[in-house]
Amino acid sequence: MPGWYGLLPPPPPAQVLRGRHTADWVIVGAGFAGLAAARRLSQLVPGDRIVLIDAQRVGWGAAGRNSGFMIDLPHELGGENYGGAREHDRKRIRMNRAAIEFSGSAADEYGLQRFFVRAGKFHGAATDHGLAVLRAFENHLTGLAEPFERLDGPQMKTITGTDFFIGGTFTPGTVMAQPAGFVRGVAEGLSTRVQIFEKSAVTSMQTGKLHTVKTAEGEITAPRLILTVNGHLESFGFFKKRLLHVFTYASMTRPLSKSEQAALGGEPHWGLIPADPMGSTIRRIGDRIVVRNTFTYNPDMSTSERQISQIGAAHDRSFRARFPMLGEMPMEFRWGGHLCLSLNSAPAFGEVEERVFVAGCCNGLGTVQGTLYGMLAADLAVGSNEQMVAEAQNEPAPARLYPEPLMTIGAPLKLWAMQRRAGREL
């Protein structure tokens, strides 16, 4: 079970799609993108009937399995220091912040501030190589006129309680979310304006003058369709051989006792991403700690309990290296989560058929870019003049993947090499 979901009380029984329905809009996928699209539509066309469906419970899928960082700054997972071209990054920062503000307004509207904290993020370096990467990232931020704070080893220990990190960088704009709590709360808040069906996997889809989406027990017909299913856009027949399906993994401790918290020291709440993008992300949420690392290539868009268990051993090693004072700390939750990437870090966005709109391929930033492109898909679909819609449409499409067997052989090797480069940061 994903830990973020496990921390929440059980939800009320799901409303499953049964029978035939009609609507003005149907949205498939109730993650960050789908909820953003539904909320934006409810603002733009408040009199229309909007239906949102998901194959699982809201918060159970990829939206509730990430690390909960809503990052405003450049965050290129495939790069060496997160940054990219300066002008592109300026645009990305502006668009990411628009998405964060949209989410912030939802947190205010629905009383979700406990799941949406404007805390900033730390980058932690464990090696001289990591420090050099952070210096390059800081230089990039200086060129972008973005604020940051440089931290030495003792300052990092004051925050984290461990002397594992020899230096760090703090940036103030990141929101730390409890992702499952946030998306469940947004869904509950929207439920008076949007009809939400859960545990209603789409089994077939017909598009045309009217679009019909069928599930095992029902169907919905609507003139306008928005697909916010991230990598599963490929399952619906779009962007074939253009989406790269990767899983990453996390473990969450049981609650730390008072004596264990005293032995650890440090601050009770913080989020840290590694100096090297392939290293370990760490979050402390009061009496629990989350460690996330390891990327695997899973083109079938699924993982297994065996794979999660095997990678859990790597989490335990990373945890012990950082927090030896806590000994053999049991993990209460372990889980994997699906990321969709493209070779050129481009999103899957736009109108792919007449009145069929898509928002996906978030390139490892599902919380913020899912929100962004879901919101913009709604704007595009109603014909709004929002400037960011045009900017999103002007981005390149996801590049075609390399032919087989290059992907099957090369993608795992590339991930292995990048994670090996991370060294002690992993």
Foldseek 3Di string as FASTA:
>chain_A
DAPLVVVDDDDDDFAAAFAEAEWAEEEEDLALLRLLLLVLLCVVPVVTAYAYEYQAPQLPAQLQRDQQKLDLFQAFLPDFFRDDDLVVRLVSNVLLVVLLVSLVVLCVLLVPCVFKAQAWAKAFEQDPSLVVSVVVVVVSCVVNVFDKDKFAQVVVCQAFLFSSGGIMMTHRGMIGGSRSSSSVSSCVVCVVRYPYGYSFDFPAWDDDCWIWTHGPRYIYIHRAYEYLPAPCVVVNPPCPQQKWKKKKKKFKFDFADPVLCVNSHHDQWHWYAYSGSQFWTWTHHHRMIMIIHDMDGDVVNDDDPVVQVVVVVVVQVLCCSGCVSNPRTDTPDMDMHMAMAFPVRAWAFDAPDVNYTYTHRNNSNCNRSSSSRSNLSSCVSVVHPDPVVVVSVPTDHGDRHDDPPCCVPPVRVVSVVSNVVCPSSD
